[in-house]
Amino acid sequence: MKKSYLYIAVMALAATFSACKKDVEKRFYDPDKLNATVTDVIPGLFTQLITNNKLFVQDYGEWYYLLNGGTSITGYGQVAQRYISYRYDWFSSYNDLVSGNGFDDFPISGQSFFQNSYTRLKNYEVIKDSVELRTGQLKQDGDVYLKLATFVKLYQCGKLVDLFNSIPYFDAFQGVKGGTQYLFPKYDDPKQVYQSIIADLGGLVNTLPTAFTQMSPAAKTVFQQQDFAFKGDINKWVAFINFTRLKMLVRIAGVDEAYAKPLIQDALGKPLPTTDLTWTMWYKIDVFGGGTWQRGLYENAYAAFIPNIIMKRLNYGDSTYQPGIDDPRLPVLALPTKFKDYRGVSANIEQQEALYNSGQRYYAFADNITSSLSTNAKSMYSHITLHRNENMPVYMATLGELDLLLAEIALKNLGNTGKTAGDHIKDEVMHSTSFWYYLNQLSTYARGTLDSVLYPSKPTDAIVSAWGENIKTKFTAAATLEDKMEILMQQKYIHLNLLQPYELWSELRRTRHPKLEPFTWHSSVWKPMPERVHYPTVELTNNPDNFAKVANENNTTTPIFWVPANQRGVIPYWDNYNYQ
């Protein structure tokens, strides 16, 4: 039976955004309410497109269920977890990847991620049809919006492939044409979809700067107002698009290196981010009643403990934080325990049961920092930096993530990055540390309560650099490529952690790193590896003929196309809990 008892109904999601919607209508063109001063609906359609939930802005309902039971992507990927003991008897089905009683993909398949990825891209179709009918300067003023709307479509479809594999693509987003072919599009080969997206991304990188220069001065002014992400900075858009292209090329390189390598080198010669790419909404995040992901995080603080596979790579000495011995990111990523130190949760439930029964408990919520600090025997993710940060920006890309992408390219000789893989690893530590201290300082929650602990000063550059050198040395000394990939992916888990769990799950499935803790339940030791999510049931009803052709993929055990042949069947778990 499905674990419905775990779920609390998500009430009136649309209502949570009503105040925000009214505010955005005041600030931006409302495409449904033209007036005498508004002659072009395209800018407003663009703003609505990039601020829609489930595209760049993460969604409350999705995140509520992503964390709640501990049996979805964050739990199985060991990105975040409950403090599990035998009182949570539903984990007795943890090894089940078939019935739905174990691995739970409801946050995706049951929260309309698939459907919304098409319906919320409807503005792309409207922008496309409108701009293509224009001529002269009016067309040039709309072309940048069309190119960026096209990018949003490409970006989201790449994510769909990463989750579902085959998706409707080549005949999708063309509903205006009518006809069954476009209203109920066929499912396309995922590799062909990826290659088409990569080619189109390359085209955007090459043509977007010129399109921007051809906009009239008045149109550029409007674009700066409507572009809530980068405030009209076309160079940031180009860099982000090329970053997205490079990431997809590294993924596909594992199954078609000959195709990917020349394109990777081409992408390395084009603009890439030179700063962290984030942006803020026009309102402060409401973690108690808003519609973004942090409300889901706030309401499930008890499912956001830091697993040992991350904590053991942050905290190396005793359990306290010791600058120079431990990772400098530890005190801004983790909440200290009642012991005034940092301790992760384990997948060894037999051992953890004994700790729980001995009185090592926790305060389940993120509403009282004093209770959390005095009660928690294990470290949750920081309520300051994450759960209660009302100024948390929307994540697009960071230098730390780019550094790790470049490290893999250098390690696997996929292109010339100009540095060694080890140098990129060190760069990541430096950039990532700056990023996470920046996010921590954006918060205002519990200011004045142990600020030295909850809002620590960033360590000196010398300390951070020395730690980066330490990780670089370990990386260089690692004997094999897989050993080096283990260290690289450990760093990716530390850097992206709870901020980007879908990205980490994709990378875990693609690389089979980092290794996870085996799940010990009584006398059983399990190592489950879900590979993908189910299609939504509505596809069986609405698009049955085309769905029938991919029905054999509708499970959680078939790998995504980009998993290399030599990694399929590899189960990325440690044999024990010793942490080599």
Protein backbone atom coordinates (compact mmCIF):
# COMPACT_ATOMS: atom_id res chain seq x y z
CA MET A 1 0.00 0.00 0.00
CA LYS A 2 1.30 3.47 -0.84
CA LYS A 3 2.73 5.46 2.06
CA SER A 4 -0.15 7.93 1.98
CA TYR A 5 -0.04 8.29 5.74
CA LEU A 6 3.22 10.16 5.39
CA TYR A 7 1.68 12.93 3.41
CA ILE A 8 -0.14 15.97 4.66
CA ALA A 9 -2.35 17.61 2.08
CA VAL A 10 -0.82 20.63 0.38
CA MET A 11 -3.59 23.21 0.64
CA ALA A 12 -4.35 25.79 -2.01
CA LEU A 13 -0.94 26.22 -3.61
CA ALA A 14 -2.27 28.77 -6.04
CA ALA A 15 -3.56 30.94 -3.22
CA THR A 16 -0.10 31.23 -1.69
CA PHE A 17 1.06 33.19 -4.68
CA SER A 18 -1.92 35.52 -4.95
CA ALA A 19 -0.23 38.44 -3.21
CA CYS A 20 2.97 37.91 -5.15
CA LYS A 21 1.05 37.74 -8.44
CA LYS A 22 -0.66 41.04 -7.72
CA ASP A 23 2.71 42.60 -6.99
CA VAL A 24 4.31 41.32 -10.17
CA GLU A 25 1.36 42.64 -12.18
CA LYS A 26 2.07 46.09 -10.80
CA ARG A 27 5.76 45.84 -11.62
CA PHE A 28 5.58 44.17 -15.03
CA TYR A 29 3.34 44.03 -18.06
CA ASP A 30 0.34 41.80 -17.51
CA PRO A 31 -0.16 40.05 -20.88
CA ASP A 32 -3.88 39.58 -20.19
CA LYS A 33 -4.61 43.22 -19.31
CA LEU A 34 -3.26 45.54 -21.97
CA ASN A 35 -3.82 49.25 -21.59
CA ALA A 36 -3.08 52.31 -23.66
CA THR A 37 0.54 52.51 -22.51
CA VAL A 38 1.36 48.86 -23.20
CA THR A 39 1.83 47.94 -26.85
CA ASP A 40 3.96 44.79 -26.56
CA VAL A 41 3.00 41.74 -24.53
CA ILE A 42 6.26 39.88 -25.18
CA PRO A 43 8.31 41.37 -22.28
CA GLY A 44 5.60 40.43 -19.77
CA LEU A 45 5.31 36.92 -21.14
CA PHE A 46 9.07 36.54 -20.75
CA THR A 47 9.03 37.71 -17.13
CA GLN A 48 6.21 35.32 -16.33
CA LEU A 49 8.12 32.49 -18.00
CA ILE A 50 11.37 32.85 -16.06
CA THR A 51 9.65 33.34 -12.68
CA ASN A 52 7.32 30.34 -13.00
CA ASN A 53 7.79 27.64 -10.37
CA LYS A 54 9.39 24.33 -11.41
CA LEU A 55 11.66 25.98 -13.97
CA PHE A 56 14.35 28.03 -12.22
CA VAL A 57 12.29 28.77 -9.08
CA GLN A 58 11.87 25.61 -7.06
CA ASP A 59 8.40 24.61 -5.89
CA TYR A 60 6.85 24.18 -2.44
CA GLY A 61 4.70 21.10 -3.02
CA GLU A 62 7.48 19.34 -4.85
CA TRP A 63 9.91 19.99 -2.01
CA TYR A 64 7.42 19.06 0.68
CA TYR A 65 7.16 15.53 -0.66
CA LEU A 66 10.78 15.41 -1.74
CA LEU A 67 11.84 15.50 1.90
CA ASN A 68 8.86 14.34 3.93
CA GLY A 69 9.11 10.56 4.14
CA GLY A 70 12.85 10.27 3.63
CA THR A 71 12.22 7.82 0.79
CA SER A 72 12.52 10.02 -2.28
CA ILE A 73 15.48 11.45 -4.19
CA THR A 74 17.10 13.29 -1.28
CA GLY A 75 16.88 10.19 0.92
CA TYR A 76 18.07 7.58 -1.57
CA GLY A 77 20.75 9.94 -2.86
CA GLN A 78 21.82 10.54 0.77
CA VAL A 79 21.67 14.30 0.28
CA ALA A 80 19.38 14.74 3.31
CA GLN A 81 17.60 12.28 5.57
CA ARG A 82 15.53 11.74 8.70
CA TYR A 83 17.14 10.62 11.94
CA ILE A 84 15.98 7.07 11.23
CA SER A 85 15.36 4.43 13.88
CA TYR A 86 13.03 1.43 13.91
CA ARG A 87 10.14 3.68 14.94
CA TYR A 88 9.86 4.54 11.24
CA ASP A 89 8.65 1.14 10.13
CA TRP A 90 8.05 2.17 6.51
CA PHE A 91 11.83 1.95 5.97
CA SER A 92 11.41 -1.83 6.16
CA SER A 93 10.59 -1.52 2.42
CA TYR A 94 13.67 0.59 1.63
CA ASN A 95 15.08 -2.00 -0.75
CA ASP A 96 11.90 -2.02 -2.85
CA LEU A 97 12.37 -0.20 -6.18
CA VAL A 98 9.30 -1.69 -7.84
CA SER A 99 6.05 -1.33 -5.90
CA GLY A 100 6.36 2.26 -4.72
CA ASN A 101 6.55 1.24 -1.08
CA GLY A 102 10.31 1.81 -1.11
CA PHE A 103 11.68 4.45 -3.46
CA ASP A 104 9.03 7.13 -3.85
CA ASP A 105 9.05 9.34 -6.95
CA PHE A 106 5.80 11.10 -6.01
CA PRO A 107 7.54 14.51 -5.73
CA ILE A 108 8.10 14.32 -9.49
CA SER A 109 5.50 11.98 -10.96
CA GLY A 110 2.75 13.00 -8.53
CA GLN A 111 3.46 16.72 -8.42
CA SER A 112 2.95 17.30 -12.16
CA PHE A 113 6.60 18.02 -12.91
CA PHE A 114 6.28 16.37 -16.32
CA GLN A 115 3.00 18.08 -17.27
CA ASN A 116 4.01 21.47 -15.88
CA SER A 117 7.25 21.40 -17.82
CA TYR A 118 5.09 21.65 -20.93
CA THR A 119 2.20 23.83 -19.77
CA ARG A 120 4.43 26.36 -18.03
CA LEU A 121 6.42 26.71 -21.23
CA LYS A 122 3.29 27.80 -23.10
CA ASN A 123 4.64 31.36 -23.11
CA TYR A 124 7.50 30.14 -25.27
CA GLU A 125 5.01 29.13 -27.95
CA VAL A 126 3.19 32.48 -27.77
CA ILE A 127 6.44 34.46 -27.91
CA LYS A 128 7.67 32.35 -30.83
CA ASP A 129 4.49 32.76 -32.86
CA SER A 130 4.34 36.49 -32.19
CA VAL A 131 7.98 37.30 -32.98
CA GLU A 132 7.99 35.23 -36.15
CA LEU A 133 5.11 37.32 -37.53
CA ARG A 134 6.95 40.60 -36.97
CA THR A 135 9.12 42.60 -39.33
CA GLY A 136 11.71 45.38 -39.04
CA GLN A 137 12.71 46.87 -35.69
CA LEU A 138 9.73 45.37 -33.92
CA LYS A 139 11.02 41.91 -34.82
CA GLN A 140 14.56 42.83 -33.70
CA ASP A 141 13.21 44.12 -30.39
CA GLY A 142 11.46 40.79 -29.81
CA ASP A 143 14.22 38.47 -31.00
CA VAL A 144 16.17 38.47 -27.72
CA TYR A 145 13.03 37.44 -25.82
CA LEU A 146 12.44 34.61 -28.28
CA LYS A 147 16.02 33.38 -27.96
CA LEU A 148 15.88 33.44 -24.17
CA ALA A 149 12.45 31.78 -24.12
CA THR A 150 13.92 29.12 -26.40
CA PHE A 151 16.73 28.63 -23.89
CA VAL A 152 14.24 28.15 -21.05
CA LYS A 153 12.54 25.45 -23.11
CA LEU A 154 15.86 23.74 -23.86
CA TYR A 155 16.96 23.96 -20.22
CA GLN A 156 13.75 22.39 -18.91
CA CYS A 157 13.67 19.65 -21.53
CA GLY A 158 17.22 18.70 -20.59
CA LYS A 159 16.02 18.23 -17.02
CA LEU A 160 13.10 16.13 -18.24
CA VAL A 161 15.48 13.76 -20.04
CA ASP A 162 17.60 13.51 -16.89
CA LEU A 163 14.55 12.36 -14.93
CA PHE A 164 12.47 10.38 -17.48
CA ASN A 165 14.80 9.49 -20.40
CA SER A 166 12.52 9.49 -23.49
CA ILE A 167 10.25 12.55 -23.69
CA PRO A 168 7.98 14.21 -26.27
CA TYR A 169 10.18 16.86 -27.83
CA PHE A 170 10.39 17.38 -31.59
CA ASP A 171 6.61 17.57 -32.07
CA ALA A 172 5.96 19.24 -28.71
CA PHE A 173 5.47 22.98 -28.07
CA GLN A 174 3.61 23.34 -31.36
CA GLY A 175 0.01 23.12 -30.21
CA VAL A 176 -0.96 26.15 -32.29
CA LYS A 177 -0.50 24.05 -35.42
CA GLY A 178 -3.31 21.73 -34.37
CA GLY A 179 -3.50 18.10 -35.30
CA THR A 180 -2.96 14.97 -33.26
CA GLN A 181 0.74 14.89 -34.13
CA TYR A 182 1.33 18.08 -32.12
CA LEU A 183 -1.41 17.84 -29.51
CA PHE A 184 -0.35 14.31 -28.55
CA PRO A 185 3.32 14.22 -29.56
CA LYS A 186 5.43 11.11 -29.85
CA TYR A 187 8.23 10.28 -27.43
CA ASP A 188 11.67 10.90 -28.86
CA ASP A 189 15.01 9.15 -28.44
CA PRO A 190 16.72 10.81 -25.45
CA LYS A 191 20.16 10.94 -27.02
CA GLN A 192 18.75 12.65 -30.10
CA VAL A 193 16.91 15.11 -27.87
CA TYR A 194 20.12 15.87 -25.97
CA GLN A 195 22.07 16.40 -29.18
CA SER A 196 19.39 18.68 -30.58
CA ILE A 197 19.35 20.74 -27.37
CA ILE A 198 23.14 20.98 -27.37
CA ALA A 199 23.15 22.20 -30.98
CA ASP A 200 20.48 24.80 -30.27
CA LEU A 201 22.31 25.98 -27.15
CA GLY A 202 25.43 26.49 -29.26
CA GLY A 203 23.42 28.52 -31.72
CA LEU A 204 22.09 30.75 -28.95
CA VAL A 205 25.60 31.35 -27.58
CA ASN A 206 26.70 32.47 -31.04
CA THR A 207 23.73 34.65 -31.95
CA LEU A 208 22.39 36.14 -28.73
CA PRO A 209 25.00 38.96 -28.42
CA THR A 210 24.24 40.24 -31.92
CA ALA A 211 20.50 40.05 -31.32
CA PHE A 212 20.93 42.19 -28.23
CA THR A 213 22.92 44.87 -30.06
CA GLN A 214 20.11 45.14 -32.63
CA MET A 215 17.50 46.06 -30.01
CA SER A 216 16.46 49.70 -29.94
CA PRO A 217 17.53 51.76 -26.91
CA ALA A 218 13.95 51.87 -25.66
CA ALA A 219 13.60 48.09 -26.01
CA LYS A 220 16.84 47.55 -24.10
CA THR A 221 15.49 49.67 -21.25
CA VAL A 222 12.35 47.55 -21.09
CA PHE A 223 14.43 44.36 -21.24
CA GLN A 224 16.51 45.49 -18.26
CA GLN A 225 13.27 45.96 -16.30
CA GLN A 226 11.66 42.69 -17.38
CA ASP A 227 14.74 40.48 -17.05
CA PHE A 228 14.41 39.64 -13.39
CA ALA A 229 17.25 37.15 -13.53
CA PHE A 230 20.19 39.17 -14.84
CA LYS A 231 18.76 42.71 -15.16
CA GLY A 232 19.41 42.85 -18.88
CA ASP A 233 23.03 41.69 -18.69
CA ILE A 234 23.18 39.67 -21.89
CA ASN A 235 26.72 38.50 -21.12
CA LYS A 236 25.46 36.63 -18.05
CA TRP A 237 22.78 34.94 -20.13
CA VAL A 238 25.33 33.88 -22.75
CA ALA A 239 27.65 32.51 -20.05
CA PHE A 240 24.82 30.60 -18.37
CA ILE A 241 23.64 29.13 -21.66
CA ASN A 242 27.17 28.00 -22.50
CA PHE A 243 27.58 26.56 -19.00
CA THR A 244 24.37 24.55 -19.50
CA ARG A 245 25.67 23.37 -22.87
CA LEU A 246 29.01 22.32 -21.36
CA LYS A 247 27.32 20.38 -18.57
CA MET A 248 25.17 18.45 -21.03
CA LEU A 249 28.20 17.74 -23.20
CA VAL A 250 30.10 16.24 -20.25
CA ARG A 251 27.09 14.02 -19.54
CA ILE A 252 26.79 12.75 -23.08
CA ALA A 253 30.58 12.28 -23.37
CA GLY A 254 30.28 9.09 -21.33
CA VAL A 255 28.32 7.43 -24.13
CA ASP A 256 29.65 9.29 -27.20
CA GLU A 257 33.03 10.86 -26.55
CA ALA A 258 33.83 11.35 -30.24
CA TYR A 259 30.73 13.52 -30.61
CA ALA A 260 31.26 15.44 -27.38
CA LYS A 261 35.00 16.23 -27.31
CA PRO A 262 35.20 18.77 -30.17
CA LEU A 263 32.07 20.49 -28.90
CA ILE A 264 33.46 20.61 -25.36
CA GLN A 265 36.58 22.33 -26.66
CA ASP A 266 34.39 24.75 -28.59
CA ALA A 267 32.38 25.53 -25.46
CA LEU A 268 35.58 26.09 -23.47
CA GLY A 269 36.47 28.80 -25.97
CA LYS A 270 33.18 30.63 -25.44
CA PRO A 271 32.08 32.74 -22.43
CA LEU A 272 31.50 30.90 -19.16
CA PRO A 273 30.40 32.35 -15.81
CA THR A 274 32.93 34.62 -14.12
CA THR A 275 30.78 35.09 -11.02
CA ASP A 276 28.10 33.15 -9.17
CA LEU A 277 24.84 33.45 -11.12
CA THR A 278 21.92 33.90 -8.73
CA TRP A 279 19.01 36.32 -8.54
CA THR A 280 16.35 37.35 -6.09
CA MET A 281 12.58 37.53 -6.36
CA TRP A 282 10.77 40.84 -5.94
CA TYR A 283 9.57 39.82 -2.48
CA LYS A 284 11.06 38.29 0.64
CA ILE A 285 10.57 34.54 0.82
CA ASP A 286 7.75 33.49 3.13
CA VAL A 287 8.88 30.19 4.61
CA PHE A 288 5.60 29.83 6.52
CA GLY A 289 3.12 30.31 3.69
CA GLY A 290 4.90 30.96 0.41
CA GLY A 291 4.95 28.79 -2.66
CA THR A 292 8.68 28.33 -3.09
CA TRP A 293 10.85 25.44 -2.01
CA GLN A 294 11.91 26.81 1.36
CA ARG A 295 8.43 26.40 2.78
CA GLY A 296 8.71 22.69 1.99
CA LEU A 297 12.13 22.68 3.61
CA TYR A 298 10.87 24.55 6.69
CA GLU A 299 7.91 22.21 7.16
CA ASN A 300 10.17 19.15 6.92
CA ALA A 301 13.16 20.20 9.00
CA TYR A 302 13.03 16.75 10.64
CA ALA A 303 13.87 15.23 7.24
CA ALA A 304 16.85 17.52 6.60
CA PHE A 305 19.60 16.01 8.71
CA ILE A 306 23.02 15.86 7.07
CA PRO A 307 23.97 12.27 6.12
CA ASN A 308 27.37 10.94 7.05
CA ILE A 309 28.55 10.75 3.44
CA ILE A 310 28.61 14.55 3.52
CA MET A 311 29.42 15.13 7.18
CA LYS A 312 32.40 12.76 7.14
CA ARG A 313 33.89 14.83 4.30
CA LEU A 314 33.36 18.06 6.23
CA ASN A 315 34.41 17.05 9.73
CA TYR A 316 37.73 15.21 9.99
CA GLY A 317 39.05 15.75 13.51
CA ASP A 318 36.93 15.30 16.59
CA SER A 319 33.28 16.25 16.25
CA THR A 320 33.86 19.94 16.93
CA TYR A 321 34.75 22.38 14.16
CA GLN A 322 38.51 22.97 14.04
CA PRO A 323 39.75 25.50 11.45
CA GLY A 324 42.54 24.02 9.39
CA ILE A 325 41.50 20.47 10.27
CA ASP A 326 37.90 20.55 9.06
CA ASP A 327 36.27 21.89 5.91
CA PRO A 328 35.70 25.66 6.32
CA ARG A 329 32.15 25.29 4.98
CA LEU A 330 31.06 23.11 7.91
CA PRO A 331 29.75 25.85 10.28
CA VAL A 332 27.58 27.53 7.62
CA LEU A 333 26.18 24.30 6.18
CA ALA A 334 25.40 22.47 9.42
CA LEU A 335 23.58 23.32 12.62
CA PRO A 336 25.60 22.41 15.70
CA THR A 337 24.26 19.74 18.05
CA LYS A 338 23.49 20.05 21.75
CA PHE A 339 27.04 18.76 22.28
CA LYS A 340 28.31 21.92 20.52
CA ASP A 341 29.73 19.87 17.70
CA TYR A 342 28.65 18.45 14.33
CA ARG A 343 27.36 14.90 13.79
CA GLY A 344 25.75 13.33 10.73
CA VAL A 345 23.02 10.72 10.54
CA SER A 346 23.90 7.20 9.46
CA ALA A 347 22.29 4.60 7.20
CA ASN A 348 23.34 2.02 9.80
CA ILE A 349 19.94 1.95 11.45
CA GLU A 350 20.90 -0.85 13.83
CA GLN A 351 23.56 1.42 15.34
CA GLN A 352 21.43 4.56 15.18
CA GLU A 353 18.55 2.84 16.96
CA ALA A 354 20.78 2.37 19.99
CA LEU A 355 21.73 6.06 20.00
CA TYR A 356 18.12 7.16 19.73
CA ASN A 357 17.01 4.83 22.52
CA SER A 358 19.82 6.12 24.75
CA GLY A 359 18.23 9.56 24.69
CA GLN A 360 19.97 11.19 21.75
CA ARG A 361 16.91 12.90 20.34
CA TYR A 362 16.14 16.12 18.45
CA TYR A 363 13.78 19.06 18.13
CA ALA A 364 11.84 18.39 14.95
CA PHE A 365 11.17 21.90 13.70
CA ALA A 366 12.94 25.04 12.50
CA ASP A 367 10.85 27.50 14.52
CA ASN A 368 12.89 27.78 17.71
CA ILE A 369 16.66 28.00 17.40
CA THR A 370 17.17 27.69 21.16
CA SER A 371 15.28 24.39 21.24
CA SER A 372 17.21 23.09 18.25
CA LEU A 373 20.60 23.98 19.73
CA SER A 374 19.75 22.49 23.13
CA THR A 375 18.04 19.30 21.93
CA ASN A 376 19.49 18.04 18.65
CA ALA A 377 21.89 15.12 18.97
CA LYS A 378 22.50 15.14 15.19
CA SER A 379 23.14 18.02 12.81
CA MET A 380 20.41 19.30 10.57
CA TYR A 381 21.28 21.56 7.67
CA SER A 382 21.67 25.10 8.96
CA HIS A 383 18.36 26.77 9.70
CA ILE A 384 20.17 30.07 9.24
CA THR A 385 21.65 29.44 5.81
CA LEU A 386 18.80 27.36 4.37
CA HIS A 387 15.50 26.77 6.21
CA ARG A 388 14.85 30.32 7.41
CA ASN A 389 16.82 32.42 4.92
CA GLU A 390 14.15 34.78 3.56
CA ASN A 391 16.74 36.37 1.25
CA MET A 392 17.81 33.11 -0.38
CA PRO A 393 18.40 33.80 -4.09
CA VAL A 394 17.31 31.66 -7.02
CA TYR A 395 20.19 29.40 -8.03
CA MET A 396 21.33 29.29 -11.67
CA ALA A 397 25.06 28.42 -11.61
CA THR A 398 28.07 28.97 -9.41
CA LEU A 399 31.81 29.13 -9.90
CA GLY A 400 32.19 26.12 -7.62
CA GLU A 401 29.97 23.99 -9.84
CA LEU A 402 31.84 25.20 -12.93
CA ASP A 403 35.19 24.36 -11.30
CA LEU A 404 34.10 20.76 -10.75
CA LEU A 405 32.85 20.50 -14.32
CA LEU A 406 36.23 21.74 -15.57
CA ALA A 407 38.01 19.33 -13.21
CA GLU A 408 36.18 16.38 -14.77
CA ILE A 409 36.96 17.63 -18.27
CA ALA A 410 40.65 17.91 -17.42
CA LEU A 411 40.71 14.56 -15.60
CA LYS A 412 39.15 12.67 -18.49
CA ASN A 413 41.03 14.60 -21.17
CA LEU A 414 37.80 15.81 -22.72
CA GLY A 415 39.26 19.24 -23.47
CA ASN A 416 41.99 21.72 -22.63
CA THR A 417 40.89 23.82 -19.68
CA GLY A 418 44.24 25.51 -19.13
CA LYS A 419 44.65 23.98 -15.66
CA THR A 420 45.11 20.59 -14.07
CA ALA A 421 42.12 18.81 -12.59
CA GLY A 422 43.68 19.25 -9.15
CA ASP A 423 43.91 23.00 -9.63
CA HIS A 424 40.23 23.13 -10.50
CA ILE A 425 39.43 21.14 -7.36
CA LYS A 426 41.28 23.68 -5.26
CA ASP A 427 39.48 26.52 -7.05
CA GLU A 428 36.18 24.88 -6.18
CA VAL A 429 36.97 24.85 -2.48
CA MET A 430 37.85 28.55 -2.61
CA HIS A 431 34.80 29.58 -4.64
CA SER A 432 32.38 27.30 -2.81
CA THR A 433 33.48 28.57 0.59
CA SER A 434 32.88 32.16 -0.48
CA PHE A 435 29.46 31.25 -1.88
CA TRP A 436 28.20 29.51 1.25
CA TYR A 437 29.41 32.22 3.62
CA TYR A 438 27.69 34.73 1.36
CA LEU A 439 24.38 32.83 1.59
CA ASN A 440 24.73 32.54 5.35
CA GLN A 441 25.23 36.28 5.73
CA LEU A 442 22.12 37.02 3.63
CA SER A 443 19.94 35.51 6.34
CA THR A 444 18.40 37.47 9.20
CA TYR A 445 16.92 34.60 11.23
CA ALA A 446 17.93 34.47 14.90
CA ARG A 447 20.39 37.33 14.61
CA GLY A 448 21.71 38.08 18.05
CA THR A 449 21.54 34.41 19.13
CA LEU A 450 25.06 33.01 19.22
CA ASP A 451 26.08 34.94 16.12
CA SER A 452 29.65 33.70 16.40
CA VAL A 453 28.34 30.16 15.92
CA LEU A 454 25.37 30.69 13.61
CA TYR A 455 26.82 33.57 11.58
CA PRO A 456 30.54 32.80 11.71
CA SER A 457 33.09 35.00 9.99
CA LYS A 458 34.57 33.48 6.90
CA PRO A 459 38.00 31.94 7.64
CA THR A 460 41.03 33.74 6.28
CA ASP A 461 42.04 33.20 2.68
CA ALA A 462 45.12 31.41 3.96
CA ILE A 463 43.01 28.85 5.88
CA VAL A 464 40.64 28.29 2.94
CA SER A 465 43.54 28.03 0.48
CA ALA A 466 45.32 25.53 2.71
CA TRP A 467 42.17 23.41 2.85
CA GLY A 468 41.85 23.58 -0.91
CA GLU A 469 45.47 22.46 -1.21
CA ASN A 470 44.71 19.58 1.15
CA ILE A 471 41.84 18.35 -1.03
CA LYS A 472 43.95 18.85 -4.16
CA THR A 473 46.73 16.72 -2.63
CA LYS A 474 44.28 13.92 -1.83
CA PHE A 475 42.88 14.14 -5.32
CA THR A 476 46.32 14.03 -6.96
CA ALA A 477 47.39 11.08 -4.81
CA ALA A 478 44.27 9.03 -5.64
CA ALA A 479 45.43 5.99 -7.58
CA THR A 480 42.81 5.60 -10.32
CA LEU A 481 40.45 7.74 -12.33
CA GLU A 482 37.52 6.30 -10.35
CA ASP A 483 39.27 7.14 -7.08
CA LYS A 484 39.71 10.71 -8.30
CA MET A 485 36.08 10.88 -9.40
CA GLU A 486 35.09 9.80 -5.90
CA ILE A 487 36.84 12.84 -4.42
CA LEU A 488 35.47 15.13 -7.13
CA MET A 489 31.91 14.01 -6.51
CA GLN A 490 32.34 14.26 -2.75
CA GLN A 491 33.13 17.91 -3.36
CA LYS A 492 30.08 18.28 -5.58
CA TYR A 493 27.87 16.87 -2.82
CA ILE A 494 29.36 19.34 -0.34
CA HIS A 495 28.97 22.30 -2.69
CA LEU A 496 25.46 21.67 -4.04
CA ASN A 497 24.04 19.68 -1.09
CA LEU A 498 20.41 20.51 -0.34
CA LEU A 499 20.39 23.41 -2.80
CA GLN A 500 20.46 21.22 -5.92
CA PRO A 501 19.42 17.62 -5.12
CA TYR A 502 18.18 16.80 -8.63
CA GLU A 503 21.57 17.76 -10.04
CA LEU A 504 23.32 15.57 -7.47
CA TRP A 505 21.02 12.63 -8.21
CA SER A 506 21.78 12.95 -11.93
CA GLU A 507 25.51 13.03 -11.22
CA LEU A 508 25.29 10.08 -8.82
CA ARG A 509 23.50 8.00 -11.45
CA ARG A 510 25.86 9.08 -14.23
CA THR A 511 29.21 8.71 -12.45
CA ARG A 512 28.34 6.18 -9.71
CA HIS A 513 29.99 8.54 -7.23
CA PRO A 514 30.16 9.36 -4.41
CA LYS A 515 29.76 6.01 -2.74
CA LEU A 516 26.82 5.79 -0.35
CA GLU A 517 26.43 4.13 3.02
CA PRO A 518 24.74 0.70 2.89
CA PHE A 519 21.33 0.71 4.56
CA THR A 520 21.32 -1.67 7.51
CA TRP A 521 17.86 -2.63 8.75
CA HIS A 522 17.94 -5.30 11.46
CA SER A 523 19.88 -8.16 9.85
CA SER A 524 19.46 -6.89 6.28
CA VAL A 525 22.04 -4.80 4.43
CA TRP A 526 20.60 -3.07 1.36
CA LYS A 527 22.14 -1.09 -1.50
CA PRO A 528 19.24 0.11 -3.67
CA MET A 529 19.97 2.25 -6.74
CA PRO A 530 16.93 3.92 -8.35
CA GLU A 531 17.74 5.07 -11.88
CA ARG A 532 14.81 7.25 -12.94
CA VAL A 533 11.21 8.22 -12.14
CA HIS A 534 7.87 7.03 -13.50
CA TYR A 535 5.92 8.89 -16.14
CA PRO A 536 2.75 10.50 -14.77
CA THR A 537 -0.35 8.32 -15.02
CA VAL A 538 -2.09 11.02 -17.06
CA GLU A 539 0.14 10.08 -20.01
CA LEU A 540 -1.35 6.59 -20.06
CA THR A 541 -4.77 8.20 -20.45
CA ASN A 542 -4.10 11.20 -22.67
CA ASN A 543 -1.36 9.90 -24.95
CA PRO A 544 -1.79 6.10 -24.86
CA ASP A 545 -0.56 5.17 -28.33
CA ASN A 546 2.72 7.06 -28.05
CA PHE A 547 3.16 6.11 -24.41
CA ALA A 548 2.86 2.42 -25.30
CA LYS A 549 6.13 2.73 -27.25
CA VAL A 550 8.07 3.73 -24.11
CA ALA A 551 6.05 1.75 -21.56
CA ASN A 552 9.02 -0.57 -21.02
CA GLU A 553 10.91 2.42 -19.58
CA ASN A 554 8.15 3.28 -17.11
CA ASN A 555 9.96 2.01 -14.03
CA THR A 556 12.63 3.18 -11.60
CA THR A 557 15.34 0.70 -12.60
CA THR A 558 16.11 1.51 -16.26
CA PRO A 559 19.20 3.76 -16.55
CA ILE A 560 19.05 7.12 -18.33
CA PHE A 561 20.78 6.99 -21.73
CA TRP A 562 23.83 8.95 -20.51
CA VAL A 563 24.93 6.29 -18.00
CA PRO A 564 28.16 4.86 -19.53
CA ALA A 565 28.14 1.19 -20.45
CA ASN A 566 30.92 0.37 -17.98
CA GLN A 567 28.93 2.00 -15.13
CA ARG A 568 25.63 0.24 -15.70
CA GLY A 569 25.29 -2.37 -13.04
CA VAL A 570 27.78 -0.59 -10.74
CA ILE A 571 26.13 -0.08 -7.36
CA PRO A 572 27.84 2.91 -5.72
CA TYR A 573 27.98 1.87 -2.07
CA TRP A 574 30.71 1.34 0.47
CA ASP A 575 31.08 -2.17 1.82
CA ASN A 576 31.04 -0.86 5.38
CA TYR A 577 31.00 2.34 7.42
CA ASN A 578 34.74 2.88 7.74
CA TYR A 579 35.05 5.69 5.15
CA GLN A 580 38.27 4.95 3.30
